[in-house]
Amino acid sequence: MRTRTIAAFAAALAATVAALPLLAQEPKSTSDGIAEYRKMLEDGNPAELFEAKGEELWKTARGPKNVSLEKCDLGLGPGVVKGAWVQLPRYFPDTKKVQDLESRLLSCMQTLQGFDAAEIAKTPFDKGEQASVTALAAWVSSMSRGMKMALPQKHPEEKRFYELGKRAFFYRGGPMDFACASCHGEDGKRIRLQDLPNLTKNPGDGIGFAAWPAYRVSSGELWGMQRRLNDCFRQQRFPYPGFASDVTVALGVYMGVNAKGAESIAPALKR
């Protein structure tokens, strides 16, 4: 009996010793759990459906002029898509404006295909040709996946828009006295279970500006950066900004320049 008791004790002790490394590990954080959840869903990211639609829209003759977008200049020359996303927003000589991806797509749809850009800009998100712009943005951004953010800052207007975006980012107002910086101006902030990246500096690969457009699991929709910013204004209780307005493009310049060197994973997967 005594021999069996000693053997059982020894076995229990051995099991405890073997488990010590596991017990010594720090508990998994909420952010780690969310990251694992996203990783599991990556292979089946519904954004791929929007990418396929965007590629088809790019290559299909459409609009009043029945022309494709294959000669659209996204900043690297007519028809060059690969690498364009990670260098937007930027200044375009033909429009004499700093444009982000979505506003540039609008210009091409009007100039090449004959669509009314102002009418599309007024169309609600996910409706009509607005849905086409979102799908196009998904495909174009996917063609730069894995590349580093490298927004140009050579033209005076690009520099001016960076400063304008910085002012808009820190501007507090509205009934909640909020600014973009209220949520994204410091390290270590969180809302509910969501970590909030500090966008006043490079937040790292695939975070912040380098992750949008993105598929929102909670709404079952793909959101471009314009829609994402629109929702930020809603949460600040500000009036909605105009689609592709200077302030939204300037905010894109500010965040994009700050993200220099970060790897793009757009279109990403979000909660």
C-alpha atoms as a PDB file:
ATOM      1  CA  MET A   1       0.000   0.000   0.000  1.00  0.00           C
ATOM      2  CA  ARG A   2       2.775   2.348   0.973  1.00  0.00           C
ATOM      3  CA  THR A   3       4.598   1.622  -2.290  1.00  0.00           C
ATOM      4  CA  ARG A   4       1.493   2.468  -4.360  1.00  0.00           C
ATOM      5  CA  THR A   5       1.010   5.713  -2.405  1.00  0.00           C
ATOM      6  CA  ILE A   6       4.592   6.796  -3.015  1.00  0.00           C
ATOM      7  CA  ALA A   7       4.281   5.946  -6.722  1.00  0.00           C
ATOM      8  CA  ALA A   8       1.060   7.962  -7.031  1.00  0.00           C
ATOM      9  CA  PHE A   9       2.633  10.913  -5.255  1.00  0.00           C
ATOM     10  CA  ALA A  10       5.683  10.758  -7.531  1.00  0.00           C
ATOM     11  CA  ALA A  11       3.472  10.692 -10.627  1.00  0.00           C
ATOM     12  CA  ALA A  12       1.460  13.667  -9.397  1.00  0.00           C
ATOM     13  CA  LEU A  13       4.647  15.573  -8.617  1.00  0.00           C
ATOM     14  CA  ALA A  14       6.056  14.835 -12.082  1.00  0.00           C
ATOM     15  CA  ALA A  15       2.850  16.058 -13.724  1.00  0.00           C
ATOM     16  CA  THR A  16       2.957  19.265 -11.693  1.00  0.00           C
ATOM     17  CA  VAL A  17       6.606  19.912 -12.613  1.00  0.00           C
ATOM     18  CA  ALA A  18       5.818  19.290 -16.291  1.00  0.00           C
ATOM     19  CA  ALA A  19       2.983  21.818 -16.126  1.00  0.00           C
ATOM     20  CA  LEU A  20       5.074  24.561 -14.503  1.00  0.00           C
ATOM     21  CA  PRO A  21       6.190  26.119 -17.830  1.00  0.00           C
ATOM     22  CA  LEU A  22       2.554  26.425 -18.889  1.00  0.00           C
ATOM     23  CA  LEU A  23       1.524  27.915 -15.557  1.00  0.00           C
ATOM     24  CA  ALA A  24       4.384  30.406 -15.792  1.00  0.00           C
ATOM     25  CA  GLN A  25       3.090  31.790 -19.103  1.00  0.00           C
ATOM     26  CA  GLU A  26       1.281  35.099 -18.894  1.00  0.00           C
ATOM     27  CA  PRO A  27      -2.448  34.931 -19.567  1.00  0.00           C
ATOM     28  CA  LYS A  28      -3.494  35.743 -23.120  1.00  0.00           C
ATOM     29  CA  SER A  29      -4.589  39.361 -23.547  1.00  0.00           C
ATOM     30  CA  THR A  30      -7.860  40.386 -25.134  1.00  0.00           C
ATOM     31  CA  SER A  31      -5.985  41.948 -28.044  1.00  0.00           C
ATOM     32  CA  ASP A  32      -4.105  38.674 -28.606  1.00  0.00           C
ATOM     33  CA  GLY A  33      -7.427  36.834 -28.697  1.00  0.00           C
ATOM     34  CA  ILE A  34      -8.849  39.261 -31.246  1.00  0.00           C
ATOM     35  CA  ALA A  35      -5.680  38.946 -33.347  1.00  0.00           C
ATOM     36  CA  GLU A  36      -6.030  35.144 -33.354  1.00  0.00           C
ATOM     37  CA  TYR A  37      -9.696  35.480 -34.348  1.00  0.00           C
ATOM     38  CA  ARG A  38      -8.767  37.682 -37.309  1.00  0.00           C
ATOM     39  CA  LYS A  39      -5.982  35.317 -38.299  1.00  0.00           C
ATOM     40  CA  MET A  40      -8.423  32.397 -38.431  1.00  0.00           C
ATOM     41  CA  LEU A  41     -10.729  34.363 -40.720  1.00  0.00           C
ATOM     42  CA  GLU A  42      -8.031  35.743 -43.045  1.00  0.00           C
ATOM     43  CA  ASP A  43      -8.142  32.858 -45.503  1.00  0.00           C
ATOM     44  CA  GLY A  44     -11.837  33.462 -46.039  1.00  0.00           C
ATOM     45  CA  ASN A  45     -11.847  37.270 -45.952  1.00  0.00           C
ATOM     46  CA  PRO A  46     -15.031  38.336 -47.806  1.00  0.00           C
ATOM     47  CA  ALA A  47     -13.063  41.319 -49.121  1.00  0.00           C
ATOM     48  CA  GLU A  48     -11.782  38.962 -51.814  1.00  0.00           C
ATOM     49  CA  LEU A  49     -15.241  39.055 -53.403  1.00  0.00           C
ATOM     50  CA  PHE A  50     -15.020  42.845 -53.610  1.00  0.00           C
ATOM     51  CA  GLU A  51     -11.522  42.588 -55.054  1.00  0.00           C
ATOM     52  CA  ALA A  52     -12.785  40.343 -57.848  1.00  0.00           C
ATOM     53  CA  LYS A  53     -15.650  42.725 -58.561  1.00  0.00           C
ATOM     54  CA  GLY A  54     -13.274  45.697 -58.569  1.00  0.00           C
ATOM     55  CA  GLU A  55     -10.936  44.069 -61.071  1.00  0.00           C
ATOM     56  CA  GLU A  56     -13.869  43.343 -63.370  1.00  0.00           C
ATOM     57  CA  LEU A  57     -15.111  46.938 -63.064  1.00  0.00           C
ATOM     58  CA  TRP A  58     -11.610  48.244 -63.881  1.00  0.00           C
ATOM     59  CA  LYS A  59     -11.382  46.212 -67.083  1.00  0.00           C
ATOM     60  CA  THR A  60     -15.001  46.501 -68.294  1.00  0.00           C
ATOM     61  CA  ALA A  61     -16.153  49.228 -70.696  1.00  0.00           C
ATOM     62  CA  ARG A  62     -18.839  51.186 -68.828  1.00  0.00           C
ATOM     63  CA  GLY A  63     -20.495  54.566 -68.473  1.00  0.00           C
ATOM     64  CA  PRO A  64     -21.833  57.006 -71.077  1.00  0.00           C
ATOM     65  CA  LYS A  65     -18.551  56.764 -73.014  1.00  0.00           C
ATOM     66  CA  ASN A  66     -18.451  52.947 -72.791  1.00  0.00           C
ATOM     67  CA  VAL A  67     -14.770  52.917 -71.840  1.00  0.00           C
ATOM     68  CA  SER A  68     -12.811  50.910 -69.256  1.00  0.00           C
ATOM     69  CA  LEU A  69     -10.624  52.393 -66.510  1.00  0.00           C
ATOM     70  CA  GLU A  70      -7.472  50.727 -67.795  1.00  0.00           C
ATOM     71  CA  LYS A  71      -5.974  54.106 -68.728  1.00  0.00           C
ATOM     72  CA  CYS A  72      -6.706  55.662 -65.344  1.00  0.00           C
ATOM     73  CA  ASP A  73      -3.593  57.296 -63.873  1.00  0.00           C
ATOM     74  CA  LEU A  74      -3.390  56.606 -60.126  1.00  0.00           C
ATOM     75  CA  GLY A  75      -0.092  58.438 -59.825  1.00  0.00           C
ATOM     76  CA  LEU A  76       2.380  56.017 -61.386  1.00  0.00           C
ATOM     77  CA  GLY A  77       1.247  56.396 -64.988  1.00  0.00           C
ATOM     78  CA  PRO A  78      -1.841  55.416 -67.018  1.00  0.00           C
ATOM     79  CA  GLY A  79      -2.997  51.913 -66.129  1.00  0.00           C
ATOM     80  CA  VAL A  80      -0.318  51.261 -63.478  1.00  0.00           C
ATOM     81  CA  VAL A  81      -2.015  49.807 -60.416  1.00  0.00           C
ATOM     82  CA  LYS A  82       0.643  47.870 -58.530  1.00  0.00           C
ATOM     83  CA  GLY A  83       2.226  50.099 -55.904  1.00  0.00           C
ATOM     84  CA  ALA A  84      -0.183  52.995 -56.472  1.00  0.00           C
ATOM     85  CA  TRP A  85      -2.194  52.544 -53.272  1.00  0.00           C
ATOM     86  CA  VAL A  86       0.765  52.908 -50.894  1.00  0.00           C
ATOM     87  CA  GLN A  87       1.569  56.308 -52.466  1.00  0.00           C
ATOM     88  CA  LEU A  88      -1.895  57.821 -52.058  1.00  0.00           C
ATOM     89  CA  PRO A  89      -3.094  60.499 -51.343  1.00  0.00           C
ATOM     90  CA  ARG A  90      -0.825  62.541 -53.606  1.00  0.00           C
ATOM     91  CA  TYR A  91      -0.934  65.613 -55.869  1.00  0.00           C
ATOM     92  CA  PHE A  92      -2.232  65.182 -59.428  1.00  0.00           C
ATOM     93  CA  PRO A  93      -1.302  67.844 -62.009  1.00  0.00           C
ATOM     94  CA  ASP A  94      -4.355  67.214 -64.214  1.00  0.00           C
ATOM     95  CA  THR A  95      -6.858  68.019 -61.461  1.00  0.00           C
ATOM     96  CA  LYS A  96      -4.459  70.348 -59.592  1.00  0.00           C
ATOM     97  CA  LYS A  97      -5.580  68.649 -56.386  1.00  0.00           C
ATOM     98  CA  VAL A  98      -4.302  66.285 -53.746  1.00  0.00           C
ATOM     99  CA  GLN A  99      -6.472  63.177 -54.081  1.00  0.00           C
ATOM    100  CA  ASP A 100      -6.882  59.922 -52.216  1.00  0.00           C
ATOM    101  CA  LEU A 101      -7.716  56.648 -53.923  1.00  0.00           C
ATOM    102  CA  GLU A 102     -11.486  57.075 -53.902  1.00  0.00           C
ATOM    103  CA  SER A 103     -11.502  60.683 -55.104  1.00  0.00           C
ATOM    104  CA  ARG A 104      -9.013  59.798 -57.826  1.00  0.00           C
ATOM    105  CA  LEU A 105     -11.199  56.917 -58.971  1.00  0.00           C
ATOM    106  CA  LEU A 106     -14.100  59.379 -59.194  1.00  0.00           C
ATOM    107  CA  SER A 107     -12.029  61.662 -61.428  1.00  0.00           C
ATOM    108  CA  CYS A 108     -11.167  58.754 -63.741  1.00  0.00           C
ATOM    109  CA  MET A 109     -14.775  57.577 -63.853  1.00  0.00           C
ATOM    110  CA  GLN A 110     -15.841  61.058 -64.933  1.00  0.00           C
ATOM    111  CA  THR A 111     -13.006  61.838 -67.357  1.00  0.00           C
ATOM    112  CA  LEU A 112     -12.676  58.432 -69.002  1.00  0.00           C
ATOM    113  CA  GLN A 113     -16.141  56.923 -68.658  1.00  0.00           C
ATOM    114  CA  GLY A 114     -18.392  59.968 -68.557  1.00  0.00           C
ATOM    115  CA  PHE A 115     -19.956  59.386 -65.131  1.00  0.00           C
ATOM    116  CA  ASP A 116     -21.062  62.393 -63.058  1.00  0.00           C
ATOM    117  CA  ALA A 117     -18.529  62.459 -60.201  1.00  0.00           C
ATOM    118  CA  ALA A 118     -20.541  64.975 -58.163  1.00  0.00           C
ATOM    119  CA  GLU A 119     -23.631  62.774 -58.383  1.00  0.00           C
ATOM    120  CA  ILE A 120     -21.698  59.700 -57.275  1.00  0.00           C
ATOM    121  CA  ALA A 121     -20.208  61.666 -54.363  1.00  0.00           C
ATOM    122  CA  LYS A 122     -23.742  62.441 -53.155  1.00  0.00           C
ATOM    123  CA  THR A 123     -24.867  58.810 -53.412  1.00  0.00           C
ATOM    124  CA  PRO A 124     -25.084  56.945 -50.063  1.00  0.00           C
ATOM    125  CA  PHE A 125     -22.351  54.433 -49.283  1.00  0.00           C
ATOM    126  CA  ASP A 126     -22.881  50.920 -50.662  1.00  0.00           C
ATOM    127  CA  LYS A 127     -25.450  52.190 -53.209  1.00  0.00           C
ATOM    128  CA  GLY A 128     -25.206  52.550 -56.980  1.00  0.00           C
ATOM    129  CA  GLU A 129     -21.850  53.693 -58.309  1.00  0.00           C
ATOM    130  CA  GLN A 130     -20.650  54.346 -54.762  1.00  0.00           C
ATOM    131  CA  ALA A 131     -20.540  50.563 -54.386  1.00  0.00           C
ATOM    132  CA  SER A 132     -18.474  50.438 -57.572  1.00  0.00           C
ATOM    133  CA  VAL A 133     -15.958  52.917 -56.124  1.00  0.00           C
ATOM    134  CA  THR A 134     -15.613  50.762 -52.985  1.00  0.00           C
ATOM    135  CA  ALA A 135     -15.042  47.597 -55.004  1.00  0.00           C
ATOM    136  CA  LEU A 136     -12.484  49.353 -57.207  1.00  0.00           C
ATOM    137  CA  ALA A 137     -10.693  50.621 -54.092  1.00  0.00           C
ATOM    138  CA  ALA A 138     -10.590  47.066 -52.724  1.00  0.00           C
ATOM    139  CA  TRP A 139      -8.920  45.718 -55.856  1.00  0.00           C
ATOM    140  CA  VAL A 140      -6.484  48.589 -56.301  1.00  0.00           C
ATOM    141  CA  SER A 141      -5.362  48.418 -52.662  1.00  0.00           C
ATOM    142  CA  SER A 142      -4.977  44.631 -52.885  1.00  0.00           C
ATOM    143  CA  MET A 143      -2.456  45.104 -55.689  1.00  0.00           C
ATOM    144  CA  SER A 144      -0.135  46.812 -53.188  1.00  0.00           C
ATOM    145  CA  ARG A 145      -0.592  44.282 -50.379  1.00  0.00           C
ATOM    146  CA  GLY A 146       2.717  43.664 -48.613  1.00  0.00           C
ATOM    147  CA  MET A 147       4.276  46.885 -49.913  1.00  0.00           C
ATOM    148  CA  LYS A 148       5.397  49.736 -47.658  1.00  0.00           C
ATOM    149  CA  MET A 149       3.506  52.992 -47.240  1.00  0.00           C
ATOM    150  CA  ALA A 150       5.443  55.742 -49.038  1.00  0.00           C
ATOM    151  CA  LEU A 151       3.289  58.842 -49.541  1.00  0.00           C
ATOM    152  CA  PRO A 152       5.127  61.602 -51.423  1.00  0.00           C
ATOM    153  CA  GLN A 153       5.698  64.954 -49.727  1.00  0.00           C
ATOM    154  CA  LYS A 154       7.541  66.857 -52.429  1.00  0.00           C
ATOM    155  CA  HIS A 155       4.808  69.076 -53.867  1.00  0.00           C
ATOM    156  CA  PRO A 156       3.828  72.172 -51.817  1.00  0.00           C
ATOM    157  CA  GLU A 157       0.184  71.048 -51.858  1.00  0.00           C
ATOM    158  CA  GLU A 158       1.123  67.646 -50.399  1.00  0.00           C
ATOM    159  CA  LYS A 159       2.943  69.400 -47.570  1.00  0.00           C
ATOM    160  CA  ARG A 160       0.043  71.809 -47.057  1.00  0.00           C
ATOM    161  CA  PHE A 161      -2.440  68.950 -46.888  1.00  0.00           C
ATOM    162  CA  TYR A 162      -0.292  67.198 -44.288  1.00  0.00           C
ATOM    163  CA  GLU A 163      -0.447  70.275 -42.060  1.00  0.00           C
ATOM    164  CA  LEU A 164      -4.177  70.676 -42.732  1.00  0.00           C
ATOM    165  CA  GLY A 165      -4.718  67.021 -41.805  1.00  0.00           C
ATOM    166  CA  LYS A 166      -2.696  67.449 -38.627  1.00  0.00           C
ATOM    167  CA  ARG A 167      -4.838  70.411 -37.574  1.00  0.00           C
ATOM    168  CA  ALA A 168      -8.022  68.492 -38.349  1.00  0.00           C
ATOM    169  CA  PHE A 169      -6.741  65.463 -36.403  1.00  0.00           C
ATOM    170  CA  PHE A 170      -6.238  67.495 -33.227  1.00  0.00           C
ATOM    171  CA  TYR A 171      -9.232  69.820 -33.625  1.00  0.00           C
ATOM    172  CA  ARG A 172     -11.698  69.378 -30.743  1.00  0.00           C
ATOM    173  CA  GLY A 173     -15.325  70.342 -31.064  1.00  0.00           C
ATOM    174  CA  GLY A 174     -18.917  69.235 -31.203  1.00  0.00           C
ATOM    175  CA  PRO A 175     -21.145  68.337 -28.221  1.00  0.00           C
ATOM    176  CA  MET A 176     -18.660  65.687 -27.041  1.00  0.00           C
ATOM    177  CA  ASP A 177     -15.602  67.979 -27.370  1.00  0.00           C
ATOM    178  CA  PHE A 178     -13.858  65.174 -29.266  1.00  0.00           C
ATOM    179  CA  ALA A 179     -11.022  65.129 -31.745  1.00  0.00           C
ATOM    180  CA  CYS A 180      -9.498  62.298 -33.746  1.00  0.00           C
ATOM    181  CA  ALA A 181      -6.656  62.542 -31.233  1.00  0.00           C
ATOM    182  CA  SER A 182      -9.059  61.807 -28.364  1.00  0.00           C
ATOM    183  CA  CYS A 183      -9.001  58.158 -29.436  1.00  0.00           C
ATOM    184  CA  HIS A 184      -5.870  57.919 -31.577  1.00  0.00           C
ATOM    185  CA  GLY A 185      -3.426  60.401 -30.054  1.00  0.00           C
ATOM    186  CA  GLU A 186      -1.787  58.279 -27.336  1.00  0.00           C
ATOM    187  CA  ASP A 187      -0.451  54.783 -26.740  1.00  0.00           C
ATOM    188  CA  GLY A 188      -2.392  52.208 -24.765  1.00  0.00           C
ATOM    189  CA  LYS A 189      -5.943  53.415 -25.366  1.00  0.00           C
ATOM    190  CA  ARG A 190      -8.886  51.074 -25.871  1.00  0.00           C
ATOM    191  CA  ILE A 191     -12.612  51.306 -26.542  1.00  0.00           C
ATOM    192  CA  ARG A 192     -14.581  48.258 -25.414  1.00  0.00           C
ATOM    193  CA  LEU A 193     -12.358  45.306 -26.498  1.00  0.00           C
ATOM    194  CA  GLN A 194     -10.672  47.216 -29.307  1.00  0.00           C
ATOM    195  CA  ASP A 195      -7.128  48.547 -29.001  1.00  0.00           C
ATOM    196  CA  LEU A 196      -6.832  52.034 -30.487  1.00  0.00           C
ATOM    197  CA  PRO A 197      -3.620  52.644 -32.456  1.00  0.00           C
ATOM    198  CA  ASN A 198      -1.706  55.858 -31.941  1.00  0.00           C
ATOM    199  CA  LEU A 199      -1.901  57.467 -35.393  1.00  0.00           C
ATOM    200  CA  THR A 200       0.289  60.457 -34.581  1.00  0.00           C
ATOM    201  CA  LYS A 201       3.259  58.185 -35.316  1.00  0.00           C
ATOM    202  CA  ASN A 202       3.903  54.965 -37.240  1.00  0.00           C
ATOM    203  CA  PRO A 203       1.555  52.430 -35.590  1.00  0.00           C
ATOM    204  CA  GLY A 204       3.247  49.444 -37.262  1.00  0.00           C
ATOM    205  CA  ASP A 205       2.534  47.047 -40.116  1.00  0.00           C
ATOM    206  CA  GLY A 206      -1.081  46.549 -41.137  1.00  0.00           C
ATOM    207  CA  ILE A 207      -2.477  48.936 -38.537  1.00  0.00           C
ATOM    208  CA  GLY A 208      -4.421  52.164 -38.986  1.00  0.00           C
ATOM    209  CA  PHE A 209      -4.129  53.685 -42.450  1.00  0.00           C
ATOM    210  CA  ALA A 210      -2.274  50.626 -43.790  1.00  0.00           C
ATOM    211  CA  ALA A 211      -5.340  48.402 -43.202  1.00  0.00           C
ATOM    212  CA  TRP A 212      -8.090  50.244 -45.073  1.00  0.00           C
ATOM    213  CA  PRO A 213     -10.206  49.504 -47.110  1.00  0.00           C
ATOM    214  CA  ALA A 214     -11.370  46.714 -44.808  1.00  0.00           C
ATOM    215  CA  TYR A 215     -14.244  44.275 -44.463  1.00  0.00           C
ATOM    216  CA  ARG A 216     -16.278  44.988 -41.315  1.00  0.00           C
ATOM    217  CA  VAL A 217     -17.508  41.709 -39.832  1.00  0.00           C
ATOM    218  CA  SER A 218     -19.946  43.557 -37.537  1.00  0.00           C
ATOM    219  CA  SER A 219     -21.784  45.183 -40.454  1.00  0.00           C
ATOM    220  CA  GLY A 220     -21.065  42.660 -43.215  1.00  0.00           C
ATOM    221  CA  GLU A 221     -19.783  45.430 -45.503  1.00  0.00           C
ATOM    222  CA  LEU A 222     -16.555  46.592 -47.058  1.00  0.00           C
ATOM    223  CA  TRP A 223     -15.585  50.086 -45.955  1.00  0.00           C
ATOM    224  CA  GLY A 224     -13.221  52.398 -47.781  1.00  0.00           C
ATOM    225  CA  MET A 225     -11.215  55.059 -45.942  1.00  0.00           C
ATOM    226  CA  GLN A 226     -13.804  57.712 -46.800  1.00  0.00           C
ATOM    227  CA  ARG A 227     -16.514  55.717 -45.052  1.00  0.00           C
ATOM    228  CA  ARG A 228     -14.247  54.977 -42.105  1.00  0.00           C
ATOM    229  CA  LEU A 229     -13.562  58.674 -41.608  1.00  0.00           C
ATOM    230  CA  ASN A 230     -17.253  59.414 -42.055  1.00  0.00           C
ATOM    231  CA  ASP A 231     -18.007  57.077 -39.145  1.00  0.00           C
ATOM    232  CA  CYS A 232     -15.356  58.759 -36.990  1.00  0.00           C
ATOM    233  CA  PHE A 233     -17.089  62.103 -37.550  1.00  0.00           C
ATOM    234  CA  ARG A 234     -20.378  60.453 -36.588  1.00  0.00           C
ATOM    235  CA  GLN A 235     -18.895  59.206 -33.322  1.00  0.00           C
ATOM    236  CA  GLN A 236     -17.569  62.702 -32.614  1.00  0.00           C
ATOM    237  CA  ARG A 237     -21.123  63.985 -33.219  1.00  0.00           C
ATOM    238  CA  PHE A 238     -19.858  66.221 -36.013  1.00  0.00           C
ATOM    239  CA  PRO A 239     -21.836  66.736 -39.239  1.00  0.00           C
ATOM    240  CA  TYR A 240     -20.851  64.235 -41.920  1.00  0.00           C
ATOM    241  CA  PRO A 241     -18.075  65.537 -44.173  1.00  0.00           C
ATOM    242  CA  GLY A 242     -18.604  65.622 -47.912  1.00  0.00           C
ATOM    243  CA  PHE A 243     -17.371  62.561 -49.766  1.00  0.00           C
ATOM    244  CA  ALA A 244     -13.768  63.139 -50.889  1.00  0.00           C
ATOM    245  CA  SER A 245     -13.767  66.588 -49.258  1.00  0.00           C
ATOM    246  CA  ASP A 246     -10.473  68.339 -48.580  1.00  0.00           C
ATOM    247  CA  VAL A 247     -10.606  67.583 -44.858  1.00  0.00           C
ATOM    248  CA  THR A 248     -11.004  63.826 -45.366  1.00  0.00           C
ATOM    249  CA  VAL A 249      -8.220  63.724 -47.957  1.00  0.00           C
ATOM    250  CA  ALA A 250      -6.006  65.824 -45.664  1.00  0.00           C
ATOM    251  CA  LEU A 251      -6.602  63.422 -42.781  1.00  0.00           C
ATOM    252  CA  GLY A 252      -5.563  60.613 -45.125  1.00  0.00           C
ATOM    253  CA  VAL A 253      -2.356  62.465 -45.965  1.00  0.00           C
ATOM    254  CA  TYR A 254      -1.567  63.019 -42.278  1.00  0.00           C
ATOM    255  CA  MET A 255      -2.152  59.390 -41.290  1.00  0.00           C
ATOM    256  CA  GLY A 256      -0.529  57.997 -44.428  1.00  0.00           C
ATOM    257  CA  VAL A 257       2.661  60.033 -44.090  1.00  0.00           C
ATOM    258  CA  ASN A 258       2.886  59.070 -40.405  1.00  0.00           C
ATOM    259  CA  ALA A 259       2.609  55.422 -41.457  1.00  0.00           C
ATOM    260  CA  LYS A 260       5.676  55.620 -43.726  1.00  0.00           C
ATOM    261  CA  GLY A 261       7.361  52.230 -43.980  1.00  0.00           C
ATOM    262  CA  ALA A 262       4.414  50.293 -42.553  1.00  0.00           C
ATOM    263  CA  GLU A 263       3.335  47.260 -44.563  1.00  0.00           C
ATOM    264  CA  SER A 264      -0.092  47.471 -46.204  1.00  0.00           C
ATOM    265  CA  ILE A 265      -2.527  44.593 -45.616  1.00  0.00           C
ATOM    266  CA  ALA A 266      -5.502  46.265 -47.297  1.00  0.00           C
ATOM    267  CA  PRO A 267      -8.181  45.254 -47.733  1.00  0.00           C
ATOM    268  CA  ALA A 268      -8.020  43.926 -44.189  1.00  0.00           C
ATOM    269  CA  LEU A 269     -10.548  42.267 -41.888  1.00  0.00           C
ATOM    270  CA  LYS A 270     -12.031  44.263 -39.012  1.00  0.00           C
ATOM    271  CA  ARG A 271     -14.494  43.489 -36.227  1.00  0.00           C
END
